[in-house]
Protein backbone atom coordinates (compact mmCIF):
# COMPACT_ATOMS: atom_id res chain seq x y z
CA MET A 1 0.01 -0.01 0.03
CA ARG A 2 1.20 3.49 -0.91
CA ALA A 3 0.22 6.84 0.42
CA MET A 4 0.50 10.58 -0.37
CA VAL A 5 1.04 13.38 2.11
CA LEU A 6 0.09 16.83 0.83
CA ALA A 7 2.92 19.28 1.62
CA ALA A 8 2.80 22.00 -1.02
CA GLY A 9 1.16 24.84 0.97
CA LEU A 10 2.65 28.21 1.46
CA GLY A 11 2.32 28.35 5.23
CA THR A 12 1.25 31.98 5.03
CA ARG A 13 -0.39 32.06 8.48
CA LEU A 14 2.61 30.76 10.14
CA ARG A 15 4.98 33.49 8.90
CA PRO A 16 7.67 34.45 9.77
CA LEU A 17 8.47 30.86 10.87
CA THR A 18 7.84 29.63 7.38
CA LEU A 19 10.48 32.05 5.99
CA GLU A 20 12.97 29.53 7.35
CA ARG A 21 11.27 26.16 6.90
CA PRO A 22 8.37 24.91 4.82
CA LYS A 23 5.29 24.36 7.06
CA PRO A 24 5.50 20.61 7.09
CA GLY A 25 9.11 20.95 8.35
CA VAL A 26 8.52 23.22 11.28
CA PRO A 27 9.28 21.49 14.54
CA TYR A 28 6.45 19.90 16.50
CA GLY A 29 7.85 18.28 19.63
CA LEU A 30 11.26 16.96 18.64
CA ALA A 31 10.47 16.23 15.01
CA PRO A 32 9.04 18.00 11.97
CA LEU A 33 5.27 18.50 11.93
CA ALA A 34 4.79 16.20 8.92
CA CYS A 35 6.13 13.23 10.95
CA VAL A 36 2.71 13.07 12.77
CA SER A 37 1.17 11.91 9.50
CA LEU A 38 4.07 9.73 8.50
CA GLU A 39 3.92 7.87 11.83
CA ALA A 40 0.16 7.34 11.40
CA LEU A 41 0.84 5.77 7.96
CA ALA A 42 3.70 3.58 9.35
CA ALA A 43 1.27 2.26 11.91
CA VAL A 44 -0.87 0.54 9.26
CA GLY A 45 2.10 -0.72 7.32
CA VAL A 46 2.68 1.94 4.75
CA ARG A 47 6.35 2.08 3.73
CA GLU A 48 6.22 4.08 0.51
CA VAL A 49 5.04 7.67 0.51
CA VAL A 50 5.04 10.59 -1.99
CA MET A 51 4.96 14.17 -0.89
CA ASN A 52 4.24 17.17 -3.08
CA THR A 53 6.28 20.28 -2.37
CA HIS A 54 6.36 23.93 -3.30
CA HIS A 55 7.44 26.64 -0.81
CA LEU A 56 11.02 25.89 0.33
CA GLY A 57 10.43 22.40 -0.91
CA GLU A 58 14.15 21.79 -1.46
CA ARG A 59 14.59 21.95 2.28
CA LEU A 60 12.03 19.37 3.21
CA PRO A 61 14.01 16.09 2.50
CA GLY A 62 16.83 17.16 4.75
CA LEU A 63 14.52 18.05 7.59
CA LEU A 64 12.45 14.83 7.28
CA GLU A 65 14.89 12.07 6.50
CA PRO A 66 16.51 11.84 10.00
CA HIS A 67 13.04 11.34 11.51
CA LEU A 68 11.31 8.91 9.06
CA PRO A 69 9.78 5.90 10.60
CA ALA A 70 11.87 2.69 10.25
CA GLY A 71 11.67 1.22 6.80
CA MET A 72 9.81 4.19 5.26
CA SER A 73 10.89 5.87 2.01
CA VAL A 74 9.60 9.17 0.76
CA ARG A 75 9.76 10.61 -2.74
CA TYR A 76 9.20 14.24 -3.42
CA LEU A 77 7.35 15.84 -6.38
CA HIS A 78 8.08 19.50 -6.58
CA GLU A 79 5.34 21.80 -8.00
CA GLU A 80 6.66 24.95 -9.70
CA THR A 81 3.12 26.21 -9.74
CA LEU A 82 0.67 25.18 -7.04
CA LEU A 83 -1.69 22.50 -8.37
CA GLY A 84 -4.12 22.35 -5.49
CA THR A 85 -5.08 19.11 -3.58
CA GLY A 86 -6.73 17.50 -6.67
CA GLY A 87 -3.93 18.46 -9.05
CA GLY A 88 -1.27 17.31 -6.65
CA VAL A 89 -2.92 13.83 -6.42
CA ALA A 90 -3.30 13.77 -10.26
CA ASN A 91 0.42 14.60 -10.67
CA ALA A 92 1.36 11.64 -8.43
CA ALA A 93 -1.36 9.23 -9.68
CA GLY A 94 0.97 7.19 -11.93
CA TRP A 95 3.19 6.21 -9.07
CA LEU A 96 0.38 5.70 -6.65
CA ARG A 97 -1.41 3.35 -9.06
CA GLU A 98 1.59 0.96 -9.10
CA ALA A 99 0.68 -0.38 -5.68
CA ASP A 100 -2.21 -2.85 -5.09
CA GLY A 101 -5.22 -1.74 -3.09
CA PRO A 102 -6.44 1.69 -1.98
CA VAL A 103 -4.27 4.77 -1.42
CA LEU A 104 -4.15 6.89 1.74
CA LEU A 105 -4.09 10.66 1.38
CA LEU A 106 -3.21 12.83 4.47
CA ASN A 107 -2.27 16.41 5.18
CA SER A 108 1.13 17.31 6.56
CA ASP A 109 0.15 20.18 8.78
CA ILE A 110 -2.48 18.67 11.07
CA VAL A 111 -1.90 17.07 14.46
CA PHE A 112 -4.13 14.01 14.10
CA ARG A 113 -3.52 10.35 14.60
CA PRO A 114 -6.50 8.74 12.82
CA ASP A 115 -7.52 5.08 13.00
CA LEU A 116 -6.57 4.35 9.45
CA GLY A 117 -7.37 0.65 9.91
CA ALA A 118 -10.98 1.54 10.56
CA ALA A 119 -11.09 3.89 7.58
CA LEU A 120 -9.69 1.18 5.23
CA GLU A 121 -12.14 -1.41 6.58
CA THR A 122 -15.09 0.96 5.92
CA HIS A 123 -13.76 1.79 2.43
CA ARG A 124 -13.51 -1.94 1.46
CA ARG A 125 -16.83 -2.87 3.09
CA LEU A 126 -18.82 -0.21 1.19
CA GLY A 127 -16.93 -0.62 -2.03
CA ALA A 128 -16.30 3.11 -2.04
CA ARG A 129 -14.49 5.20 -4.59
CA ALA A 130 -13.35 7.40 -1.81
CA THR A 131 -13.66 7.44 1.99
CA MET A 132 -13.53 10.63 4.00
CA VAL A 133 -12.36 10.52 7.71
CA LEU A 134 -14.70 12.85 9.58
CA ARG A 135 -14.97 14.29 12.99
CA PRO A 136 -17.77 15.74 15.22
CA ASP A 137 -17.65 19.58 15.33
CA PRO A 138 -20.46 21.96 16.49
CA ALA A 139 -19.30 24.43 13.89
CA ALA A 140 -19.67 22.00 11.01
CA GLU A 141 -22.65 23.81 9.45
CA ARG A 142 -20.84 27.08 9.42
CA LEU A 143 -17.45 25.80 8.28
CA GLY A 144 -18.49 23.24 5.68
CA ALA A 145 -20.56 20.19 6.62
CA ILE A 146 -20.37 16.62 5.38
CA ASP A 147 -23.66 14.79 5.86
CA VAL A 148 -23.57 11.00 6.26
CA ASP A 149 -26.46 8.52 6.25
CA PRO A 150 -26.77 5.66 8.82
CA ASP A 151 -25.01 3.27 6.43
CA GLY A 152 -21.88 5.38 6.30
CA ARG A 153 -22.39 6.93 2.90
CA VAL A 154 -21.79 10.63 2.29
CA ARG A 155 -25.03 12.14 0.95
CA ARG A 156 -24.43 15.87 1.14
CA LEU A 157 -21.17 17.80 0.70
CA LEU A 158 -21.15 21.50 1.63
CA GLY A 159 -24.95 21.53 1.56
CA GLU A 160 -25.49 19.84 -1.78
CA PRO A 161 -27.26 17.88 -3.30
CA ALA A 162 -30.68 17.71 -1.73
CA TRP A 163 -31.29 14.58 0.30
CA ALA A 164 -34.44 13.73 2.18
CA GLY A 165 -33.15 10.76 4.18
CA GLU A 166 -31.67 10.72 7.68
CA THR A 167 -28.17 11.99 8.06
CA ALA A 168 -25.66 13.11 10.65
CA ARG A 169 -23.45 16.16 10.21
CA PHE A 170 -19.62 16.18 10.51
CA MET A 171 -16.45 18.05 9.53
CA PHE A 172 -13.79 16.65 7.22
CA THR A 173 -10.37 15.91 8.87
CA GLY A 174 -8.41 16.00 5.62
CA VAL A 175 -7.73 12.23 5.68
CA HIS A 176 -8.88 10.23 2.63
CA VAL A 177 -8.83 6.65 1.28
CA LEU A 178 -8.93 6.52 -2.53
CA SER A 179 -9.56 3.63 -4.80
CA ALA A 180 -7.78 3.28 -8.19
CA ASP A 181 -10.79 4.66 -10.12
CA ALA A 182 -10.57 7.80 -7.96
CA LEU A 183 -7.08 8.37 -9.04
CA ASP A 184 -8.28 8.12 -12.66
CA ASP A 185 -10.75 10.86 -12.12
CA MET A 186 -8.72 13.65 -10.54
CA PRO A 187 -8.89 17.31 -11.74
CA PRO A 188 -5.58 18.49 -13.26
CA GLU A 189 -5.58 21.36 -10.76
CA GLY A 190 -7.76 22.72 -8.05
CA CYS A 191 -9.47 21.39 -4.92
CA ILE A 192 -10.09 17.63 -4.59
CA VAL A 193 -13.24 18.17 -2.60
CA ARG A 194 -14.89 20.73 -4.87
CA HIS A 195 -13.70 19.33 -8.20
CA ALA A 196 -13.84 15.58 -7.59
CA TYR A 197 -15.83 14.69 -4.44
CA ARG A 198 -18.55 17.11 -5.47
CA ARG A 199 -19.22 15.19 -8.66
CA TRP A 200 -18.90 11.81 -7.00
CA VAL A 201 -21.50 12.61 -4.30
CA ASP A 202 -23.88 13.84 -6.94
CA ASP A 203 -23.59 10.54 -8.81
CA PRO A 204 -26.01 7.94 -7.18
CA GLU A 205 -23.85 5.09 -8.66
CA THR A 206 -20.69 6.29 -6.93
CA VAL A 207 -20.12 5.52 -3.22
CA VAL A 208 -18.36 8.09 -1.15
CA ALA A 209 -17.98 6.73 2.39
CA GLY A 210 -17.62 8.66 5.58
CA VAL A 211 -16.11 7.21 8.78
CA VAL A 212 -16.06 9.12 12.02
CA ASP A 213 -12.92 9.39 14.19
CA GLU A 214 -13.30 11.15 17.48
CA GLY A 215 -9.55 11.20 18.21
CA PRO A 216 -7.98 14.63 19.01
CA TRP A 217 -7.47 16.81 15.91
CA ARG A 218 -5.64 20.08 15.84
CA ASP A 219 -4.85 22.52 13.02
CA LEU A 220 -1.53 24.35 13.70
CA GLY A 221 -2.17 26.98 11.01
CA THR A 222 -1.66 30.01 13.22
CA LEU A 223 1.19 31.04 15.54
CA ALA A 224 -1.06 30.94 18.57
CA ALA A 225 -2.27 27.38 17.68
CA TYR A 226 1.34 26.30 17.00
CA LEU A 227 2.67 27.60 20.27
CA GLY A 228 -0.37 26.23 22.25
CA ALA A 229 0.06 22.74 20.93
CA GLN A 230 3.73 22.77 21.84
CA VAL A 231 3.05 23.97 25.36
CA GLU A 232 0.62 21.05 25.79
CA LEU A 233 3.31 18.69 24.79
CA ALA A 234 5.79 20.13 27.26
CA ARG A 235 3.25 20.07 30.09
CA ALA A 236 2.50 16.44 29.38
CA GLU A 237 6.23 15.80 29.87
CA GLY A 238 6.27 17.49 33.25
CA GLY A 239 6.92 21.03 32.09
CA ALA A 240 9.59 20.79 29.44
CA LEU A 241 10.44 18.53 26.46
CA VAL A 242 14.15 18.85 25.68
CA HIS A 243 16.20 17.11 23.08
CA PRO A 244 19.15 15.19 24.54
CA SER A 245 21.67 17.11 22.45
CA ALA A 246 20.39 20.55 23.68
CA GLU A 247 22.61 22.41 26.10
CA VAL A 248 20.64 23.92 28.91
CA ASP A 249 22.33 25.98 31.69
CA PRO A 250 21.72 24.38 35.14
CA ALA A 251 20.34 27.73 36.27
CA ALA A 252 17.77 27.91 33.41
CA GLU A 253 14.05 27.65 34.35
CA LEU A 254 11.79 26.13 31.76
CA ASP A 255 7.99 26.16 32.09
CA GLY A 256 5.95 24.75 29.23
CA CYS A 257 8.84 24.72 26.77
CA VAL A 258 10.10 22.55 23.89
CA VAL A 259 13.80 22.70 23.13
CA GLY A 260 15.09 21.18 19.93
CA ALA A 261 18.32 19.39 19.01
CA GLY A 262 21.48 21.41 19.42
CA ALA A 263 19.79 24.38 20.93
CA ARG A 264 21.58 26.32 23.62
CA ILE A 265 19.86 27.89 26.65
CA GLY A 266 21.61 30.31 28.90
CA PRO A 267 20.78 31.06 32.67
CA VAL A 268 17.37 32.43 31.73
CA ARG A 269 13.68 31.87 32.52
CA LEU A 270 11.52 30.67 29.64
CA ALA A 271 7.77 30.29 29.89
CA ARG A 272 5.61 28.79 27.02
CA CYS A 273 8.44 28.89 24.54
CA VAL A 274 9.49 26.75 21.62
CA VAL A 275 13.21 26.85 20.86
CA TRP A 276 13.95 25.38 17.43
CA PRO A 277 16.91 23.16 16.71
CA GLY A 278 20.20 25.01 16.58
CA ALA A 279 18.69 28.23 18.18
CA ARG A 280 20.34 30.09 21.00
CA VAL A 281 18.54 31.87 23.93
CA ILE A 282 20.38 34.36 26.00
CA GLU A 283 17.48 36.34 27.58
CA SER A 284 14.34 35.47 29.46
CA LEU A 285 11.21 35.12 27.32
CA GLU A 286 7.51 34.30 27.50
CA ASP A 287 5.16 33.19 24.75
CA ALA A 288 7.83 33.03 22.04
CA VAL A 289 9.21 30.86 19.31
CA VAL A 290 13.02 31.15 19.01
CA THR A 291 14.59 30.05 15.68
CA PRO A 292 18.13 30.24 14.57
CA GLU A 293 17.34 33.57 12.83
CA ARG A 294 14.69 35.28 14.94
CA VAL A 295 12.52 35.59 18.11
CA VAL A 296 8.84 35.57 17.34
CA THR A 297 6.62 36.74 20.17
CA VAL A 298 3.22 35.20 19.95
CA GLY A 299 0.16 37.33 20.82
CA ALA A 300 2.04 40.63 20.99
C-alpha cells in the first residue's frame, strides 16, 4: 500500500516561521510536523510515501529524512506552480497506481492520529470510490458540513445535493482513502473536494463513504495554535520537552517549553516557549518561538 502526504502549502499564516522552513518541516515536539502523519501511515504498514512540495520544498528532504519511521521511504514531487489538492494527487497518480489496493491521502500540517485501519475497513466494506475520515464539530454547518447516512455513505457535501433521508453532520479531517478509479478521475488542478468529491457525491452510482474518528484533531495553522500545541506537549512531559543534544544551563528555568536538537539555553527563564533546533537563547522570554534567525513573540 502506498500513500501521499500533501505538503505544498505556502504556510502564510505561520509566517515568519515559514520564511525559514516549509510548514511541514516546522518542529512539532522533537521532530518535523509532517512526521505526525508519516507515523500514522507507518502504523498501518505503509512504507512508500510521496509528498508534493512547493514553498522551500528543497529543504524538506533534509528536515524529514533523519526522522522517518523505520523502513519508510519518501519521494518528493516539486510543484513549480501550485496544483491544488486534486492536481497534486493527479500529478502523483501514476506512481500511486503501481501499488495494489487503496491509497491513503493525508495532510502534513495537522496534528491528528486517525484510526486508518477503521477507515480502510469501511472503504472496502462499502466498495467506495473514496472514503472521508470525519470528526464531530459543533461548527460543522458554518465551516462546511459533510452529511452521512446511517449506512456510512456521504449524501451531502457542503450542503449539496438535496437529500431527504436521515443524516448526521460532521467536519472533514483531511484524511482520505482513494480507490484506483478515484485516481483516474482527478482534476488536473484545483481542490479535490470541490472538483472531484462534489461530482462523486452527486452521482448515485458512486459511493463516497464517511467514517467518524473522534480522536484529537488540531490545526496548527496560526502562531497561537502552533505555540499552544507545543506547550501542551511540554506540560505532558512535566513542564519541558528537551532534546538530549540541547545544552541547557543548570540555572535555566523552563515552564511549558520545547527545546530542539543542538539548541543552547543560557541562565534564563523561559515560559511557554519553543526553541528550534540550533537556536540560542540568552534572555528570558515568554510566549515566544525562537529560531536560529529570529525571536517571534506570539500574541504581541
